[in-house]
Structure formats: C-alpha cells, structure tokens
N, C-alpha and C. Protein backbone atom coordinates (compact mmCIF):
# COMPACT_ATOMS: atom_id res chain seq x y z
N MET A 1 -6.27 -79.56 177.66
CA MET A 1 -6.37 -80.84 176.36
C MET A 1 -6.14 -81.69 176.25
N LEU A 2 -6.22 -82.98 176.31
CA LEU A 2 -5.91 -83.86 175.55
C LEU A 2 -5.92 -84.22 174.28
N ASN A 3 -5.52 -84.51 173.17
CA ASN A 3 -5.60 -84.94 171.94
C ASN A 3 -5.26 -85.93 171.07
N TYR A 4 -5.82 -86.53 170.34
CA TYR A 4 -5.03 -87.42 169.17
C TYR A 4 -5.55 -87.24 167.91
N HIS A 5 -4.70 -87.45 166.74
CA HIS A 5 -5.48 -86.78 166.19
C HIS A 5 -4.85 -87.91 164.41
N ARG A 6 -5.04 -87.83 163.32
CA ARG A 6 -4.02 -88.63 162.01
C ARG A 6 -4.06 -87.69 160.90
N GLY A 7 -3.21 -87.63 160.02
CA GLY A 7 -3.57 -87.15 158.71
C GLY A 7 -3.08 -88.01 157.54
N LEU A 8 -4.36 -88.33 157.36
CA LEU A 8 -4.68 -89.51 155.74
C LEU A 8 -4.69 -88.91 154.86
N HIS A 9 -3.66 -88.94 153.96
CA HIS A 9 -3.54 -88.23 152.28
C HIS A 9 -4.95 -89.15 151.55
N LEU A 10 -5.41 -88.39 151.07
CA LEU A 10 -6.68 -89.63 149.92
C LEU A 10 -6.64 -89.45 148.62
N SER A 11 -6.45 -90.51 148.02
CA SER A 11 -6.39 -90.55 146.49
C SER A 11 -7.39 -89.89 145.75
N GLY A 12 -8.69 -89.69 146.39
CA GLY A 12 -10.20 -89.32 145.61
C GLY A 12 -11.06 -88.75 146.81
N LEU A 13 -12.19 -88.69 146.30
CA LEU A 13 -13.27 -88.57 147.23
C LEU A 13 -14.55 -88.95 146.78
N PRO A 14 -14.08 -90.75 146.65
CA PRO A 14 -15.70 -91.49 146.04
C PRO A 14 -16.66 -91.21 146.68
N HIS A 15 -17.87 -91.24 146.46
CA HIS A 15 -18.93 -91.45 147.20
C HIS A 15 -18.80 -92.07 148.60
N GLU A 16 -18.42 -93.15 148.33
CA GLU A 16 -18.03 -94.58 149.49
C GLU A 16 -17.38 -93.23 150.73
N ALA A 17 -16.60 -93.21 150.07
CA ALA A 17 -15.54 -91.89 151.15
C ALA A 17 -16.48 -90.98 151.87
N ILE A 18 -17.50 -90.76 150.96
CA ILE A 18 -18.33 -88.98 151.79
C ILE A 18 -18.74 -90.06 152.69
N ASP A 19 -19.66 -91.39 152.45
CA ASP A 19 -20.15 -92.12 153.19
C ASP A 19 -19.70 -92.32 154.54
N ALA A 20 -18.61 -92.70 154.31
CA ALA A 20 -18.02 -93.11 155.75
C ALA A 20 -17.33 -91.47 156.41
N TYR A 21 -17.17 -90.56 155.62
CA TYR A 21 -16.90 -89.12 156.84
C TYR A 21 -18.12 -89.02 157.12
N VAL A 22 -19.39 -88.88 156.95
CA VAL A 22 -20.34 -88.65 157.43
C VAL A 22 -20.87 -89.25 158.30
N ASP A 23 -20.94 -90.73 158.32
CA ASP A 23 -21.65 -91.94 159.23
C ASP A 23 -20.52 -91.78 160.32
N LEU A 24 -18.89 -91.79 160.04
CA LEU A 24 -18.39 -91.27 161.21
C LEU A 24 -18.30 -90.11 162.04
N GLY A 25 -18.50 -88.98 160.83
CA GLY A 25 -18.88 -87.54 161.89
C GLY A 25 -19.94 -87.38 162.41
N THR A 26 -21.27 -88.54 161.77
CA THR A 26 -22.24 -88.45 162.81
C THR A 26 -21.97 -88.65 164.42
N GLU A 27 -20.98 -89.55 164.45
CA GLU A 27 -20.74 -90.20 165.79
C GLU A 27 -19.75 -89.23 166.82
N ILE A 28 -19.11 -88.15 166.45
CA ILE A 28 -18.52 -86.58 166.88
C ILE A 28 -19.63 -86.55 168.19
N ALA A 29 -20.82 -86.52 167.96
CA ALA A 29 -21.64 -86.19 169.15
C ALA A 29 -21.64 -87.44 170.67
N GLN A 30 -21.39 -88.57 170.00
CA GLN A 30 -21.49 -89.64 171.03
C GLN A 30 -20.36 -89.84 171.62
N VAL A 31 -19.07 -89.15 171.34
CA VAL A 31 -17.96 -88.91 171.90
C VAL A 31 -17.67 -87.41 173.10
N SER A 32 -18.82 -86.68 172.82
CA SER A 32 -19.24 -86.54 174.18
C SER A 32 -17.78 -85.01 174.11
N SER A 33 -17.51 -84.50 173.27
CA SER A 33 -16.32 -83.20 173.41
C SER A 33 -16.70 -82.28 172.13
N PRO A 34 -17.35 -80.64 172.66
CA PRO A 34 -17.01 -80.01 171.40
C PRO A 34 -16.09 -79.73 170.72
N THR A 35 -14.77 -79.89 170.98
CA THR A 35 -14.03 -80.02 169.93
C THR A 35 -13.34 -80.61 169.14
N THR A 36 -13.85 -82.14 169.21
CA THR A 36 -13.47 -83.42 168.36
C THR A 36 -14.03 -82.94 167.01
N GLN A 37 -13.43 -83.46 166.00
CA GLN A 37 -14.07 -82.71 164.54
C GLN A 37 -13.38 -83.84 163.87
N ALA A 38 -14.18 -83.78 162.62
CA ALA A 38 -13.43 -84.40 161.09
C ALA A 38 -13.15 -83.37 160.53
N VAL A 39 -11.90 -83.18 159.81
CA VAL A 39 -11.92 -81.94 158.40
C VAL A 39 -11.61 -83.05 157.24
N LEU A 40 -12.07 -82.35 155.82
CA LEU A 40 -11.36 -82.81 154.75
C LEU A 40 -10.54 -81.51 154.23
N PHE A 41 -9.66 -81.57 153.89
CA PHE A 41 -8.71 -80.70 152.70
C PHE A 41 -8.73 -81.35 151.90
N ARG A 42 -8.63 -79.96 150.78
CA ARG A 42 -8.62 -80.32 149.44
C ARG A 42 -7.32 -79.93 149.20
N HIS A 43 -6.71 -80.75 148.42
CA HIS A 43 -5.28 -80.43 148.00
C HIS A 43 -5.35 -80.26 146.19
N GLY A 44 -3.70 -80.37 145.70
CA GLY A 44 -3.75 -79.77 144.62
C GLY A 44 -2.97 -78.48 144.45
N GLY A 45 -3.08 -77.82 143.81
CA GLY A 45 -2.81 -76.52 143.22
C GLY A 45 -1.02 -76.49 143.60
N ALA A 46 -0.70 -75.55 144.08
CA ALA A 46 0.82 -75.42 144.05
C ALA A 46 1.28 -76.13 144.79
N VAL A 47 0.43 -76.79 145.55
CA VAL A 47 1.98 -78.05 146.47
C VAL A 47 1.58 -79.31 144.99
N SER A 48 0.80 -79.85 144.61
CA SER A 48 1.06 -80.51 143.22
C SER A 48 2.01 -80.05 142.40
N GLN A 49 2.46 -78.82 142.24
CA GLN A 49 3.29 -78.43 141.08
C GLN A 49 4.82 -78.58 141.35
N ILE A 50 5.18 -79.10 142.78
CA ILE A 50 6.40 -79.18 143.03
C ILE A 50 6.82 -80.40 142.87
N ALA A 51 7.73 -81.05 142.50
CA ALA A 51 8.00 -82.20 142.04
C ALA A 51 8.20 -83.45 143.45
N ASP A 52 7.94 -84.47 143.77
CA ASP A 52 8.04 -84.83 144.61
C ASP A 52 8.91 -85.33 145.64
N ASP A 53 10.13 -85.19 144.61
CA ASP A 53 11.51 -85.91 144.95
C ASP A 53 11.93 -84.42 145.42
N ALA A 54 11.61 -83.02 145.09
CA ALA A 54 12.01 -81.60 145.43
C ALA A 54 12.23 -81.76 147.06
N THR A 55 11.32 -82.02 147.62
CA THR A 55 11.28 -81.73 149.32
C THR A 55 11.40 -82.95 150.07
N ALA A 56 11.31 -83.22 151.22
CA ALA A 56 11.13 -83.84 152.05
C ALA A 56 9.37 -84.57 152.01
N ALA A 57 8.55 -83.26 152.01
CA ALA A 57 7.36 -83.68 151.99
C ALA A 57 6.72 -84.17 150.71
N GLY A 58 5.91 -85.41 151.31
CA GLY A 58 5.35 -86.31 150.60
C GLY A 58 4.00 -86.45 149.94
N HIS A 59 3.77 -87.25 148.84
CA HIS A 59 2.55 -87.43 148.59
C HIS A 59 1.84 -86.32 148.32
N ARG A 60 2.65 -85.54 147.34
CA ARG A 60 2.07 -84.05 146.49
C ARG A 60 0.89 -84.50 145.51
N ASN A 61 0.75 -85.63 145.39
CA ASN A 61 0.01 -86.31 144.28
C ASN A 61 -1.32 -86.09 145.09
N ALA A 62 -1.68 -86.51 146.41
CA ALA A 62 -2.66 -86.47 147.07
C ALA A 62 -3.98 -85.60 146.86
N THR A 63 -5.16 -85.85 146.25
CA THR A 63 -6.24 -84.70 146.38
C THR A 63 -6.88 -84.56 147.22
N TYR A 64 -7.01 -85.13 148.15
CA TYR A 64 -7.62 -84.52 149.75
C TYR A 64 -6.98 -84.98 150.71
N MET A 65 -6.86 -84.68 152.06
CA MET A 65 -6.62 -85.18 153.38
C MET A 65 -7.81 -85.38 154.18
N ALA A 66 -7.83 -86.43 154.96
CA ALA A 66 -8.73 -86.65 156.13
C ALA A 66 -8.00 -85.99 157.25
N HIS A 67 -8.61 -85.50 157.93
CA HIS A 67 -7.91 -85.47 159.33
C HIS A 67 -8.56 -85.42 160.16
N PRO A 68 -9.08 -86.67 161.25
CA PRO A 68 -9.36 -86.39 162.25
C PRO A 68 -8.91 -86.01 163.28
N ILE A 69 -9.78 -85.22 164.66
CA ILE A 69 -9.19 -84.52 165.30
C ILE A 69 -9.87 -85.10 166.56
N ALA A 70 -9.42 -85.28 167.75
CA ALA A 70 -10.28 -85.86 168.88
C ALA A 70 -9.50 -84.60 170.01
N ALA A 71 -10.18 -83.84 170.47
CA ALA A 71 -9.31 -83.35 172.06
C ALA A 71 -10.92 -83.31 172.89
N TRP A 72 -10.04 -83.52 173.82
CA TRP A 72 -10.96 -83.80 175.43
C TRP A 72 -10.40 -83.39 176.47
N GLN A 73 -11.11 -83.26 177.83
CA GLN A 73 -10.51 -83.05 178.88
C GLN A 73 -9.91 -83.97 179.57
N GLY A 74 -11.13 -84.55 180.04
CA GLY A 74 -11.18 -85.87 181.17
C GLY A 74 -10.30 -87.09 180.71
N PRO A 75 -9.19 -87.58 181.11
CA PRO A 75 -8.05 -88.58 181.43
C PRO A 75 -9.51 -90.25 180.95
N ALA A 76 -10.56 -89.79 181.61
CA ALA A 76 -11.48 -91.03 181.58
C ALA A 76 -12.15 -91.12 180.12
N GLN A 77 -12.19 -90.24 179.66
CA GLN A 77 -12.69 -90.67 177.95
C GLN A 77 -11.78 -90.72 177.27
N THR A 78 -10.27 -91.21 177.69
CA THR A 78 -9.20 -90.93 176.48
C THR A 78 -9.73 -92.34 175.37
N GLY A 79 -10.34 -93.79 176.00
CA GLY A 79 -10.38 -94.49 175.11
C GLY A 79 -11.69 -94.32 173.96
N LEU A 80 -12.83 -93.70 174.90
CA LEU A 80 -13.74 -93.28 173.56
C LEU A 80 -13.25 -92.49 172.21
N HIS A 81 -11.98 -91.63 172.62
CA HIS A 81 -11.87 -90.91 171.79
C HIS A 81 -10.92 -91.42 170.99
N LEU A 82 -9.49 -91.94 171.37
CA LEU A 82 -8.59 -92.88 170.65
C LEU A 82 -9.19 -94.01 169.47
N ASP A 83 -10.40 -94.66 170.20
CA ASP A 83 -11.24 -95.24 169.36
C ASP A 83 -11.91 -94.72 168.62
N TRP A 84 -12.17 -93.76 168.43
CA TRP A 84 -13.00 -92.68 167.32
C TRP A 84 -12.45 -92.72 166.33
N VAL A 85 -11.00 -91.48 167.01
CA VAL A 85 -10.25 -91.22 165.63
C VAL A 85 -9.50 -92.78 164.81
N ARG A 86 -9.41 -94.09 165.62
CA ARG A 86 -9.19 -95.37 165.12
C ARG A 86 -10.17 -95.91 163.81
N ARG A 87 -11.21 -95.80 164.21
CA ARG A 87 -12.25 -96.04 164.02
C ARG A 87 -12.48 -95.38 162.02
N PHE A 88 -12.32 -93.82 162.63
CA PHE A 88 -12.67 -93.42 161.43
C PHE A 88 -11.46 -93.21 160.62
N SER A 89 -9.94 -93.27 161.14
CA SER A 89 -9.11 -93.82 159.96
C SER A 89 -9.05 -95.04 159.50
N ASP A 90 -9.80 -96.41 159.67
CA ASP A 90 -9.77 -97.53 159.44
C ASP A 90 -10.96 -97.14 158.22
N ALA A 91 -11.95 -96.48 158.16
CA ALA A 91 -13.05 -96.15 157.39
C ALA A 91 -12.99 -95.77 156.07
N MET A 92 -11.61 -94.53 156.31
CA MET A 92 -11.24 -93.73 155.34
C MET A 92 -9.99 -94.63 154.47
N ALA A 93 -9.47 -95.72 155.07
CA ALA A 93 -8.55 -96.35 154.86
C ALA A 93 -8.45 -97.22 153.55
N PRO A 94 -9.29 -97.32 152.83
CA PRO A 94 -9.27 -97.73 151.45
C PRO A 94 -9.21 -96.35 150.36
N PHE A 95 -9.81 -95.56 150.33
CA PHE A 95 -9.39 -94.14 149.83
C PHE A 95 -8.24 -93.18 150.02
N THR A 96 -6.92 -94.04 150.91
CA THR A 96 -5.99 -93.48 151.54
C THR A 96 -4.85 -93.75 150.01
N THR A 97 -3.91 -92.77 149.99
CA THR A 97 -2.93 -93.31 149.28
C THR A 97 -1.77 -93.99 149.99
N GLY A 98 -2.25 -94.32 151.16
CA GLY A 98 -0.80 -94.67 151.62
C GLY A 98 0.37 -94.03 152.61
N GLY A 99 0.08 -93.03 152.26
CA GLY A 99 0.61 -92.00 153.02
C GLY A 99 0.13 -91.45 153.86
N VAL A 100 0.84 -90.53 154.73
CA VAL A 100 -0.14 -89.99 155.79
C VAL A 100 0.98 -88.47 156.27
N TYR A 101 0.18 -87.41 156.61
CA TYR A 101 1.02 -86.26 156.86
C TYR A 101 1.08 -86.39 158.12
N LEU A 102 3.05 -85.94 158.16
CA LEU A 102 3.17 -86.35 159.53
C LEU A 102 3.41 -85.30 160.58
N ASN A 103 2.83 -84.13 160.12
CA ASN A 103 2.99 -82.80 161.17
C ASN A 103 1.02 -82.98 162.19
N PHE A 104 0.52 -84.24 161.31
CA PHE A 104 -0.73 -84.69 162.00
C PHE A 104 -0.91 -86.27 163.02
N GLU A 105 0.19 -86.49 162.63
CA GLU A 105 0.54 -87.93 163.25
C GLU A 105 0.98 -87.57 164.48
N PRO A 106 0.02 -89.05 165.24
CA PRO A 106 1.08 -88.90 166.91
C PRO A 106 2.45 -89.65 166.77
N ASP A 107 3.48 -89.94 167.27
CA ASP A 107 4.42 -90.40 167.09
C ASP A 107 4.00 -92.15 167.47
N GLU A 108 4.16 -92.68 166.64
CA GLU A 108 3.79 -94.27 166.60
C GLU A 108 4.34 -94.97 166.01
N GLY A 109 5.49 -94.71 165.77
CA GLY A 109 6.54 -95.45 165.42
C GLY A 109 7.18 -95.44 163.83
N GLU A 110 8.49 -96.21 163.74
CA GLU A 110 8.63 -96.14 162.19
C GLU A 110 8.02 -96.18 160.98
N GLU A 111 7.15 -97.08 161.25
CA GLU A 111 6.38 -97.41 159.99
C GLU A 111 5.54 -96.56 159.39
N ARG A 112 5.19 -95.60 160.46
CA ARG A 112 4.21 -94.57 160.34
C ARG A 112 5.41 -93.03 159.66
N VAL A 113 6.68 -93.00 160.36
CA VAL A 113 7.20 -91.93 159.56
C VAL A 113 7.65 -92.50 157.79
N ARG A 114 7.77 -93.94 158.13
CA ARG A 114 8.11 -94.12 156.06
C ARG A 114 7.00 -94.19 155.42
N ALA A 115 5.31 -93.99 155.83
CA ALA A 115 4.27 -93.90 155.62
C ALA A 115 4.52 -92.56 155.15
N GLY A 116 4.93 -91.61 155.95
CA GLY A 116 4.97 -89.98 155.68
C GLY A 116 5.62 -89.90 154.75
N TYR A 117 6.89 -90.44 154.25
CA TYR A 117 7.43 -89.91 153.42
C TYR A 117 7.78 -90.75 152.01
N GLY A 118 7.15 -92.06 152.13
CA GLY A 118 7.73 -92.91 150.94
C GLY A 118 8.89 -93.79 151.27
N ALA A 119 9.04 -95.11 150.38
CA ALA A 119 10.21 -95.60 150.50
C ALA A 119 11.68 -94.81 150.01
N GLU A 120 11.36 -94.26 148.83
CA GLU A 120 12.72 -93.72 148.08
C GLU A 120 13.04 -92.60 148.84
N LYS A 121 11.90 -91.74 148.96
CA LYS A 121 12.53 -90.26 149.72
C LYS A 121 12.86 -91.24 151.39
N TYR A 122 12.56 -91.77 152.34
CA TYR A 122 12.96 -92.05 153.35
C TYR A 122 14.59 -92.35 153.61
N ALA A 123 14.79 -93.32 152.32
CA ALA A 123 16.00 -93.84 151.91
C ALA A 123 17.07 -92.80 151.95
N ARG A 124 16.75 -91.79 150.83
CA ARG A 124 17.03 -90.45 150.91
C ARG A 124 17.77 -89.49 152.08
N LEU A 125 16.86 -90.10 152.94
CA LEU A 125 16.63 -88.86 154.22
C LEU A 125 17.44 -89.71 155.17
N VAL A 126 17.42 -91.00 155.21
CA VAL A 126 18.25 -91.81 156.16
C VAL A 126 19.89 -91.29 155.86
N ALA A 127 20.09 -91.73 154.72
CA ALA A 127 21.47 -91.17 154.06
C ALA A 127 21.75 -89.71 154.57
N LEU A 128 20.79 -88.58 154.59
CA LEU A 128 21.39 -87.60 155.12
C LEU A 128 21.42 -87.70 156.54
N LYS A 129 20.56 -88.04 157.66
CA LYS A 129 20.89 -88.39 158.89
C LYS A 129 22.03 -89.26 158.92
N ASP A 130 22.39 -90.48 158.48
CA ASP A 130 24.09 -90.67 158.42
C ASP A 130 25.19 -89.90 158.28
N LYS A 131 25.15 -88.83 157.39
CA LYS A 131 26.00 -88.06 156.92
C LYS A 131 25.71 -87.04 158.03
N TRP A 132 24.78 -86.28 158.36
CA TRP A 132 24.98 -85.03 159.30
C TRP A 132 24.42 -85.68 160.61
N ASP A 133 23.76 -86.35 161.04
CA ASP A 133 23.43 -86.77 162.43
C ASP A 133 23.82 -87.86 162.60
N PRO A 134 24.53 -88.76 162.36
CA PRO A 134 24.70 -90.22 162.74
C PRO A 134 24.81 -90.61 164.24
N GLY A 135 24.76 -89.63 165.30
CA GLY A 135 24.63 -90.03 166.75
C GLY A 135 23.15 -89.72 166.97
N ASN A 136 22.10 -89.45 166.02
CA ASN A 136 20.62 -89.06 166.35
C ASN A 136 20.71 -88.35 167.40
N LEU A 137 21.29 -87.26 167.55
CA LEU A 137 20.89 -86.04 168.53
C LEU A 137 19.72 -85.66 167.88
N PHE A 138 19.20 -85.06 167.07
CA PHE A 138 17.67 -84.43 166.71
C PHE A 138 16.95 -85.90 166.13
N ARG A 139 16.22 -86.48 167.36
CA ARG A 139 15.40 -87.82 167.22
C ARG A 139 13.86 -87.43 167.63
N VAL A 140 13.91 -85.77 168.12
CA VAL A 140 12.63 -85.71 168.66
C VAL A 140 11.40 -85.95 167.46
N ASN A 141 10.57 -85.82 167.82
CA ASN A 141 8.91 -86.02 167.04
C ASN A 141 8.96 -87.25 166.26
N GLN A 142 8.66 -87.03 164.67
CA GLN A 142 8.93 -88.15 163.77
C GLN A 142 10.29 -88.10 163.03
N ASN A 143 10.93 -89.37 164.02
CA ASN A 143 12.39 -89.48 164.17
C ASN A 143 12.84 -90.40 162.82
N ILE A 144 13.50 -89.89 161.85
CA ILE A 144 14.32 -90.42 161.35
C ILE A 144 15.91 -90.95 161.42
N LYS A 145 15.71 -92.22 161.87
CA LYS A 145 17.11 -92.98 162.27
C LYS A 145 18.04 -93.33 161.34
N PRO A 146 19.40 -92.94 162.26
CA PRO A 146 20.65 -93.28 160.85
C PRO A 146 20.66 -94.91 160.66
N ALA A 147 20.97 -95.85 159.59
CA ALA A 147 21.18 -96.55 159.15
C ALA A 147 22.35 -97.33 160.45
N ARG A 148 23.21 -96.93 161.04
CA ARG A 148 23.84 -97.13 161.78
C ARG A 148 23.84 -96.86 163.17
N PRO A 149 23.33 -97.53 163.66
CA PRO A 149 23.37 -97.54 165.26
C PRO A 149 24.92 -96.50 165.76
C-alpha cells in the first residue's frame, strides 16, 4: 500500500474543528480507498502529567490530535490522496498548537522536525547531536542535524 499521513496536535476541539473534521471525513468516500481514514485522539492523562522538558516528546499539553491517514494501492491515485491529507491538515490548522507528532509525519524537512519538538527542545537536541553524533551518522527518518557540518 502507498500511504501518506500527518499528526497534528490540537489545542482543543471547538465546534468549528468538529465541522471541519466531518466535512473532510465525508470526502473519504470520494478518494476511493477503503483504508483511508481520519482519526481523532484524545490526549491528556499521564502524557500531560510529564513535564514537557523531561523527554524529547513535545506538545504534551495538546488536548487532541488529528491524524489523517491516506492509504491506497494504485500510483495513479497518489495525487488524489496527497491532496486530501493536505486539505484535511489545512482545515485543522486553525485548531493546532503549531506542533506535530513526528511518528505520524512524513519526512518533509527540518521545519516539520522543529515543529515536532518546539524551538527550545530542538536546540537542546541539536546540542546533544553535536556532542554524540557530530558526523550525523544517525540521520534516517526525522533528522536533527548537528549545528556544525
């Protein structure tokens, strides 16, 4: 299966966010894949009880996450599915914290990685990278580049 997805931290779930979710969710039938879906996660609980600076996982204060998942078989359908995930993400953008959940994000560059951690945490991780992996050996997936090339 081909797939494309996102993980958007939400600051809340107002009526407008639910409306956007439902509107884009009804389009799933139009993208013609039974495995494409839109998921909402409820956050909080133990995740929110850990200090944000205690681990690399960021945006622990997000109360929800929107997770659009497109999965399809034919390469000819790629544009249709990518477009749906992007439109879903754009529709939910007003309700996000600005952060993303990197395990649910495609590799779309440093800006998305920074959004996954936040500025302060990203700087701490770069300092660790400089100390322990200055040659950037561990660079697969959501890479944090060392400050020095």
